[in-house]
Amino acid sequence: MPRPLGELEDAVMTRVWQWNRPVTVREVLEDLQQERSIAYTTVMTVMDNLHQKGWVRREAEGRAYRYTAVSTRAAYSAALMNEAWSTSDNPAAALVAFFGMMSAEQREALRAAVQIVQGDDEEPPPDAESAERDQEPGR
């Protein structure tokens, strides 16, 4: 699994994931500037680094690039959770502790996810359908 995203990388990827379309450095810059003072070259460097690390792919458009996410935020989050869990010396205890930290809503989402993975015939809760769609390739 790749290492976790840094703060600025995460801020850039959040926009790429949320917009779910090819984006330019200028678009990301303008959105980031609503929250902080940041230079075009800084955003360009971060997006180039994300490309080099395999987080985004890019296509030339004139003299600029349009960047698209390679995977979903859900897949990134799952990889982080899996990495943390797999490094535990007692994975079962780590899972019990993790589940104990969950809200009722999160536990319901977990139940729905288990049903999806197991292929149960029961109809999943409405939020489970969107979770399942987020796991589809190209999402």
N, C-alpha and C. Protein backbone atom coordinates (compact mmCIF):
# COMPACT_ATOMS: atom_id res chain seq x y z
N MET A 1 0.84 -1.18 0.00
CA MET A 1 0.00 0.00 0.00
C MET A 1 0.88 1.24 0.00
N PRO A 2 0.50 2.24 -0.77
CA PRO A 2 1.28 3.48 -0.75
C PRO A 2 1.16 4.15 0.62
N ARG A 3 2.11 4.98 0.93
CA ARG A 3 2.06 5.68 2.22
C ARG A 3 0.88 6.64 2.22
N PRO A 4 0.40 7.00 3.40
CA PRO A 4 -0.74 7.93 3.48
C PRO A 4 -0.41 9.26 2.81
N LEU A 5 -1.43 9.89 2.31
CA LEU A 5 -1.26 11.20 1.68
C LEU A 5 -0.89 12.24 2.72
N GLY A 6 -0.06 13.19 2.33
CA GLY A 6 0.24 14.33 3.19
C GLY A 6 -0.94 15.29 3.21
N GLU A 7 -0.87 16.31 4.04
CA GLU A 7 -1.99 17.25 4.21
C GLU A 7 -2.39 17.92 2.90
N LEU A 8 -1.42 18.46 2.17
CA LEU A 8 -1.74 19.15 0.92
C LEU A 8 -2.14 18.16 -0.17
N GLU A 9 -1.49 17.00 -0.21
CA GLU A 9 -1.89 15.96 -1.16
C GLU A 9 -3.35 15.56 -0.92
N ASP A 10 -3.72 15.41 0.35
CA ASP A 10 -5.08 15.04 0.68
C ASP A 10 -6.07 16.13 0.27
N ALA A 11 -5.69 17.38 0.48
CA ALA A 11 -6.56 18.50 0.10
C ALA A 11 -6.79 18.50 -1.42
N VAL A 12 -5.75 18.23 -2.18
CA VAL A 12 -5.87 18.18 -3.64
C VAL A 12 -6.71 16.97 -4.05
N MET A 13 -6.39 15.80 -3.49
CA MET A 13 -7.13 14.59 -3.87
C MET A 13 -8.59 14.68 -3.47
N THR A 14 -8.89 15.34 -2.36
CA THR A 14 -10.29 15.51 -1.94
C THR A 14 -11.07 16.19 -3.05
N ARG A 15 -10.50 17.21 -3.65
CA ARG A 15 -11.19 17.90 -4.74
C ARG A 15 -11.31 17.02 -5.97
N VAL A 16 -10.26 16.31 -6.30
CA VAL A 16 -10.31 15.42 -7.47
C VAL A 16 -11.39 14.35 -7.26
N TRP A 17 -11.44 13.77 -6.06
CA TRP A 17 -12.46 12.75 -5.77
C TRP A 17 -13.87 13.35 -5.76
N GLN A 18 -14.04 14.49 -5.11
CA GLN A 18 -15.37 15.10 -5.01
C GLN A 18 -15.90 15.53 -6.37
N TRP A 19 -15.07 16.12 -7.19
CA TRP A 19 -15.53 16.62 -8.48
C TRP A 19 -15.76 15.49 -9.46
N ASN A 20 -15.02 14.38 -9.31
CA ASN A 20 -15.22 13.18 -10.11
C ASN A 20 -15.22 13.47 -11.62
N ARG A 21 -14.26 14.26 -12.04
CA ARG A 21 -14.09 14.61 -13.45
C ARG A 21 -12.64 15.06 -13.63
N PRO A 22 -12.16 15.11 -14.86
CA PRO A 22 -10.81 15.62 -15.07
C PRO A 22 -10.71 17.08 -14.62
N VAL A 23 -9.64 17.41 -13.89
CA VAL A 23 -9.47 18.76 -13.35
C VAL A 23 -8.10 19.31 -13.74
N THR A 24 -8.03 20.64 -13.77
CA THR A 24 -6.76 21.31 -14.06
C THR A 24 -6.14 21.83 -12.76
N VAL A 25 -4.86 22.14 -12.84
CA VAL A 25 -4.17 22.74 -11.70
C VAL A 25 -4.86 24.05 -11.33
N ARG A 26 -5.24 24.83 -12.32
CA ARG A 26 -5.88 26.13 -12.07
C ARG A 26 -7.18 25.95 -11.27
N GLU A 27 -8.01 24.97 -11.62
CA GLU A 27 -9.27 24.73 -10.90
C GLU A 27 -9.01 24.38 -9.44
N VAL A 28 -8.05 23.50 -9.22
CA VAL A 28 -7.72 23.10 -7.85
C VAL A 28 -7.15 24.29 -7.09
N LEU A 29 -6.26 25.03 -7.73
CA LEU A 29 -5.67 26.23 -7.12
C LEU A 29 -6.76 27.20 -6.66
N GLU A 30 -7.68 27.53 -7.56
CA GLU A 30 -8.71 28.51 -7.22
C GLU A 30 -9.58 28.04 -6.06
N ASP A 31 -9.85 26.74 -5.99
CA ASP A 31 -10.65 26.23 -4.88
C ASP A 31 -9.84 26.25 -3.58
N LEU A 32 -8.59 25.85 -3.65
CA LEU A 32 -7.73 25.86 -2.45
C LEU A 32 -7.53 27.28 -1.92
N GLN A 33 -7.46 28.26 -2.82
CA GLN A 33 -7.23 29.65 -2.40
C GLN A 33 -8.38 30.22 -1.60
N GLN A 34 -9.52 29.56 -1.61
CA GLN A 34 -10.63 30.00 -0.77
C GLN A 34 -10.35 29.69 0.70
N GLU A 35 -9.43 28.76 0.95
CA GLU A 35 -9.10 28.35 2.32
C GLU A 35 -7.73 28.82 2.78
N ARG A 36 -6.80 29.00 1.85
CA ARG A 36 -5.41 29.32 2.21
C ARG A 36 -4.72 30.05 1.09
N SER A 37 -3.63 30.67 1.42
CA SER A 37 -2.79 31.32 0.42
C SER A 37 -1.84 30.26 -0.12
N ILE A 38 -1.87 30.07 -1.43
CA ILE A 38 -1.05 29.02 -2.03
C ILE A 38 -0.71 29.41 -3.46
N ALA A 39 0.48 29.04 -3.89
CA ALA A 39 0.97 29.41 -5.22
C ALA A 39 0.60 28.35 -6.25
N TYR A 40 0.44 28.81 -7.48
CA TYR A 40 0.15 27.91 -8.60
C TYR A 40 1.21 26.82 -8.70
N THR A 41 2.48 27.22 -8.58
CA THR A 41 3.57 26.23 -8.74
C THR A 41 3.53 25.17 -7.64
N THR A 42 3.06 25.54 -6.46
CA THR A 42 2.95 24.56 -5.37
C THR A 42 1.90 23.50 -5.72
N VAL A 43 0.74 23.95 -6.20
CA VAL A 43 -0.32 23.01 -6.57
C VAL A 43 0.13 22.16 -7.75
N MET A 44 0.81 22.78 -8.72
CA MET A 44 1.30 22.05 -9.88
C MET A 44 2.28 20.95 -9.43
N THR A 45 3.17 21.27 -8.51
CA THR A 45 4.15 20.30 -8.02
C THR A 45 3.44 19.15 -7.29
N VAL A 46 2.46 19.48 -6.45
CA VAL A 46 1.72 18.45 -5.72
C VAL A 46 1.01 17.52 -6.70
N MET A 47 0.36 18.10 -7.71
CA MET A 47 -0.36 17.27 -8.67
C MET A 47 0.59 16.42 -9.51
N ASP A 48 1.76 16.97 -9.83
CA ASP A 48 2.77 16.18 -10.54
C ASP A 48 3.25 15.03 -9.65
N ASN A 49 3.48 15.32 -8.36
CA ASN A 49 3.90 14.26 -7.43
C ASN A 49 2.83 13.18 -7.32
N LEU A 50 1.55 13.58 -7.25
CA LEU A 50 0.46 12.60 -7.18
C LEU A 50 0.43 11.74 -8.43
N HIS A 51 0.75 12.34 -9.56
CA HIS A 51 0.83 11.58 -10.82
C HIS A 51 1.99 10.58 -10.75
N GLN A 52 3.15 11.05 -10.30
CA GLN A 52 4.32 10.17 -10.20
C GLN A 52 4.08 9.01 -9.24
N LYS A 53 3.29 9.24 -8.18
CA LYS A 53 2.98 8.21 -7.18
C LYS A 53 1.84 7.30 -7.62
N GLY A 54 1.19 7.62 -8.73
CA GLY A 54 0.13 6.76 -9.24
C GLY A 54 -1.26 7.05 -8.70
N TRP A 55 -1.45 8.19 -8.04
CA TRP A 55 -2.76 8.54 -7.51
C TRP A 55 -3.68 9.12 -8.58
N VAL A 56 -3.08 9.82 -9.56
CA VAL A 56 -3.86 10.42 -10.64
C VAL A 56 -3.19 10.09 -11.97
N ARG A 57 -4.00 10.10 -13.02
CA ARG A 57 -3.44 10.02 -14.37
C ARG A 57 -3.71 11.39 -15.00
N ARG A 58 -2.97 11.70 -16.03
CA ARG A 58 -3.15 13.01 -16.65
C ARG A 58 -3.11 12.90 -18.16
N GLU A 59 -3.84 13.82 -18.77
CA GLU A 59 -3.86 13.92 -20.23
C GLU A 59 -3.60 15.37 -20.60
N ALA A 60 -2.77 15.55 -21.60
CA ALA A 60 -2.45 16.90 -22.05
C ALA A 60 -3.67 17.53 -22.71
N GLU A 61 -3.85 18.81 -22.40
CA GLU A 61 -4.89 19.62 -23.04
C GLU A 61 -4.28 20.98 -23.31
N GLY A 62 -3.84 21.18 -24.52
CA GLY A 62 -3.10 22.41 -24.84
C GLY A 62 -1.77 22.39 -24.12
N ARG A 63 -1.50 23.47 -23.39
CA ARG A 63 -0.24 23.53 -22.64
C ARG A 63 -0.39 23.04 -21.20
N ALA A 64 -1.58 22.59 -20.83
CA ALA A 64 -1.84 22.15 -19.46
C ALA A 64 -2.20 20.66 -19.46
N TYR A 65 -2.41 20.14 -18.27
CA TYR A 65 -2.86 18.76 -18.09
C TYR A 65 -4.22 18.76 -17.41
N ARG A 66 -4.99 17.73 -17.66
CA ARG A 66 -6.21 17.44 -16.90
C ARG A 66 -5.92 16.16 -16.13
N TYR A 67 -6.19 16.20 -14.83
CA TYR A 67 -5.89 15.10 -13.93
C TYR A 67 -7.18 14.38 -13.51
N THR A 68 -7.10 13.05 -13.44
CA THR A 68 -8.23 12.22 -13.02
C THR A 68 -7.74 11.23 -11.98
N ALA A 69 -8.56 10.98 -10.95
CA ALA A 69 -8.20 10.02 -9.90
C ALA A 69 -8.10 8.61 -10.49
N VAL A 70 -7.14 7.85 -10.00
CA VAL A 70 -6.97 6.47 -10.44
C VAL A 70 -7.90 5.54 -9.66
N SER A 71 -8.17 5.86 -8.40
CA SER A 71 -9.10 5.05 -7.60
C SER A 71 -9.96 5.98 -6.75
N THR A 72 -10.86 5.41 -5.98
CA THR A 72 -11.79 6.19 -5.18
C THR A 72 -11.24 6.49 -3.80
N ARG A 73 -11.85 7.45 -3.14
CA ARG A 73 -11.50 7.73 -1.74
C ARG A 73 -11.82 6.50 -0.89
N ALA A 74 -12.93 5.81 -1.21
CA ALA A 74 -13.30 4.61 -0.45
C ALA A 74 -12.19 3.56 -0.53
N ALA A 75 -11.62 3.37 -1.72
CA ALA A 75 -10.54 2.39 -1.87
C ALA A 75 -9.30 2.83 -1.09
N TYR A 76 -9.01 4.13 -1.10
CA TYR A 76 -7.87 4.66 -0.34
C TYR A 76 -8.09 4.43 1.15
N SER A 77 -9.28 4.75 1.65
CA SER A 77 -9.59 4.56 3.07
C SER A 77 -9.49 3.09 3.46
N ALA A 78 -10.00 2.22 2.60
CA ALA A 78 -9.94 0.78 2.87
C ALA A 78 -8.50 0.30 2.95
N ALA A 79 -7.66 0.80 2.05
CA ALA A 79 -6.25 0.39 2.07
C ALA A 79 -5.56 0.86 3.35
N LEU A 80 -5.88 2.07 3.82
CA LEU A 80 -5.32 2.56 5.08
C LEU A 80 -5.77 1.69 6.26
N MET A 81 -7.06 1.36 6.29
CA MET A 81 -7.58 0.52 7.38
C MET A 81 -6.93 -0.87 7.34
N ASN A 82 -6.80 -1.42 6.15
CA ASN A 82 -6.20 -2.75 6.02
C ASN A 82 -4.74 -2.74 6.46
N GLU A 83 -4.03 -1.69 6.10
CA GLU A 83 -2.62 -1.59 6.49
C GLU A 83 -2.50 -1.51 8.01
N ALA A 84 -3.32 -0.67 8.64
CA ALA A 84 -3.28 -0.53 10.09
C ALA A 84 -3.63 -1.84 10.77
N TRP A 85 -4.66 -2.50 10.28
CA TRP A 85 -5.11 -3.76 10.88
C TRP A 85 -4.05 -4.85 10.71
N SER A 86 -3.44 -4.92 9.53
CA SER A 86 -2.50 -6.01 9.26
C SER A 86 -1.19 -5.87 10.03
N THR A 87 -0.89 -4.68 10.54
CA THR A 87 0.35 -4.51 11.30
C THR A 87 0.16 -4.80 12.79
N SER A 88 -1.07 -5.07 13.21
CA SER A 88 -1.34 -5.36 14.62
C SER A 88 -0.80 -6.73 14.99
N ASP A 89 -0.29 -6.86 16.23
CA ASP A 89 0.16 -8.18 16.69
C ASP A 89 -1.03 -9.05 17.11
N ASN A 90 -2.21 -8.44 17.25
CA ASN A 90 -3.43 -9.18 17.58
C ASN A 90 -4.58 -8.59 16.75
N PRO A 91 -4.69 -9.01 15.48
CA PRO A 91 -5.69 -8.42 14.59
C PRO A 91 -7.12 -8.53 15.12
N ALA A 92 -7.48 -9.64 15.77
CA ALA A 92 -8.84 -9.78 16.30
C ALA A 92 -9.11 -8.73 17.37
N ALA A 93 -8.17 -8.52 18.28
CA ALA A 93 -8.35 -7.51 19.32
C ALA A 93 -8.42 -6.11 18.71
N ALA A 94 -7.62 -5.87 17.67
CA ALA A 94 -7.66 -4.56 17.01
C ALA A 94 -9.03 -4.32 16.38
N LEU A 95 -9.59 -5.36 15.76
CA LEU A 95 -10.93 -5.21 15.17
C LEU A 95 -11.98 -4.96 16.24
N VAL A 96 -11.91 -5.69 17.35
CA VAL A 96 -12.88 -5.49 18.43
C VAL A 96 -12.78 -4.05 18.95
N ALA A 97 -11.58 -3.56 19.13
CA ALA A 97 -11.40 -2.19 19.61
C ALA A 97 -11.93 -1.18 18.58
N PHE A 98 -11.66 -1.44 17.32
CA PHE A 98 -12.13 -0.56 16.26
C PHE A 98 -13.66 -0.54 16.21
N PHE A 99 -14.27 -1.71 16.24
CA PHE A 99 -15.73 -1.79 16.21
C PHE A 99 -16.34 -1.09 17.43
N GLY A 100 -15.65 -1.16 18.56
CA GLY A 100 -16.13 -0.50 19.77
C GLY A 100 -16.13 1.01 19.66
N MET A 101 -15.32 1.55 18.77
CA MET A 101 -15.26 3.00 18.56
C MET A 101 -16.32 3.50 17.59
N MET A 102 -16.98 2.57 16.90
CA MET A 102 -17.94 2.95 15.86
C MET A 102 -19.25 3.46 16.43
N SER A 103 -19.85 4.38 15.70
CA SER A 103 -21.20 4.83 16.03
C SER A 103 -22.20 3.77 15.55
N ALA A 104 -23.44 3.90 15.98
CA ALA A 104 -24.48 2.97 15.53
C ALA A 104 -24.61 3.02 14.00
N GLU A 105 -24.51 4.21 13.44
CA GLU A 105 -24.59 4.36 11.98
C GLU A 105 -23.44 3.65 11.27
N GLN A 106 -22.24 3.76 11.84
CA GLN A 106 -21.09 3.09 11.25
C GLN A 106 -21.21 1.57 11.35
N ARG A 107 -21.73 1.09 12.48
CA ARG A 107 -21.93 -0.37 12.63
C ARG A 107 -22.96 -0.87 11.61
N GLU A 108 -23.99 -0.08 11.36
CA GLU A 108 -24.99 -0.47 10.35
C GLU A 108 -24.35 -0.50 8.96
N ALA A 109 -23.51 0.45 8.67
CA ALA A 109 -22.79 0.46 7.39
C ALA A 109 -21.89 -0.77 7.28
N LEU A 110 -21.26 -1.16 8.40
CA LEU A 110 -20.42 -2.35 8.40
C LEU A 110 -21.26 -3.60 8.10
N ARG A 111 -22.42 -3.71 8.76
CA ARG A 111 -23.30 -4.86 8.50
C ARG A 111 -23.69 -4.92 7.02
N ALA A 112 -24.03 -3.77 6.45
CA ALA A 112 -24.40 -3.72 5.04
C ALA A 112 -23.23 -4.13 4.15
N ALA A 113 -22.04 -3.68 4.50
CA ALA A 113 -20.86 -4.03 3.71
C ALA A 113 -20.59 -5.52 3.76
N VAL A 114 -20.74 -6.13 4.94
CA VAL A 114 -20.53 -7.58 5.07
C VAL A 114 -21.55 -8.32 4.21
N GLN A 115 -22.79 -7.85 4.21
CA GLN A 115 -23.82 -8.48 3.37
C GLN A 115 -23.44 -8.40 1.89
N ILE A 116 -22.93 -7.27 1.48
CA ILE A 116 -22.54 -7.09 0.07
C ILE A 116 -21.41 -8.06 -0.27
N VAL A 117 -20.41 -8.12 0.58
CA VAL A 117 -19.26 -8.98 0.32
C VAL A 117 -19.64 -10.45 0.32
N GLN A 118 -20.53 -10.84 1.23
CA GLN A 118 -20.95 -12.24 1.33
C GLN A 118 -21.98 -12.60 0.27
N GLY A 119 -22.56 -11.59 -0.38
CA GLY A 119 -23.55 -11.86 -1.41
C GLY A 119 -24.87 -12.32 -0.84
N ASP A 120 -25.22 -11.87 0.38
CA ASP A 120 -26.49 -12.25 0.99
C ASP A 120 -27.65 -11.82 0.10
N ASP A 121 -28.72 -12.58 0.15
CA ASP A 121 -29.90 -12.28 -0.64
C ASP A 121 -30.77 -11.20 -0.02
N GLU A 122 -30.53 -10.89 1.25
CA GLU A 122 -31.33 -9.86 1.90
C GLU A 122 -31.07 -8.52 1.23
N GLU A 123 -32.11 -7.69 1.19
CA GLU A 123 -31.96 -6.37 0.59
C GLU A 123 -31.15 -5.48 1.52
N PRO A 124 -30.03 -4.89 1.00
CA PRO A 124 -29.20 -4.04 1.86
C PRO A 124 -29.89 -2.71 2.14
N PRO A 125 -29.50 -2.07 3.24
CA PRO A 125 -30.03 -0.73 3.54
C PRO A 125 -29.70 0.23 2.40
N PRO A 126 -30.46 1.33 2.26
CA PRO A 126 -30.24 2.27 1.14
C PRO A 126 -28.80 2.76 1.01
N ASP A 127 -28.12 3.07 2.12
CA ASP A 127 -26.74 3.57 2.04
C ASP A 127 -25.78 2.51 1.53
N ALA A 128 -26.10 1.24 1.69
CA ALA A 128 -25.22 0.18 1.23
C ALA A 128 -25.11 0.17 -0.29
N GLU A 129 -26.19 0.54 -0.97
CA GLU A 129 -26.14 0.56 -2.43
C GLU A 129 -25.13 1.58 -2.92
N SER A 130 -25.06 2.74 -2.28
CA SER A 130 -24.08 3.74 -2.71
C SER A 130 -22.66 3.27 -2.36
N ALA A 131 -22.52 2.56 -1.24
CA ALA A 131 -21.19 2.03 -0.88
C ALA A 131 -20.74 1.00 -1.91
N GLU A 132 -21.69 0.19 -2.37
CA GLU A 132 -21.37 -0.82 -3.37
C GLU A 132 -20.97 -0.16 -4.69
N ARG A 133 -21.68 0.90 -5.08
CA ARG A 133 -21.35 1.60 -6.32
C ARG A 133 -19.97 2.23 -6.22
N ASP A 134 -19.59 2.72 -5.04
CA ASP A 134 -18.27 3.35 -4.87
C ASP A 134 -17.15 2.35 -5.08
N GLN A 135 -17.43 1.08 -4.93
CA GLN A 135 -16.40 0.05 -5.10
C GLN A 135 -16.28 -0.41 -6.55
N GLU A 136 -17.21 0.00 -7.43
CA GLU A 136 -17.16 -0.41 -8.82
C GLU A 136 -15.96 0.23 -9.48
N PRO A 137 -15.31 -0.49 -10.42
CA PRO A 137 -14.18 0.09 -11.16
C PRO A 137 -14.61 1.36 -11.87
N GLY A 138 -13.72 2.32 -11.89
CA GLY A 138 -13.99 3.58 -12.55
C GLY A 138 -14.74 4.58 -11.72
N ARG A 139 -15.05 4.25 -10.49
CA ARG A 139 -15.77 5.16 -9.59
C ARG A 139 -14.80 5.80 -8.66
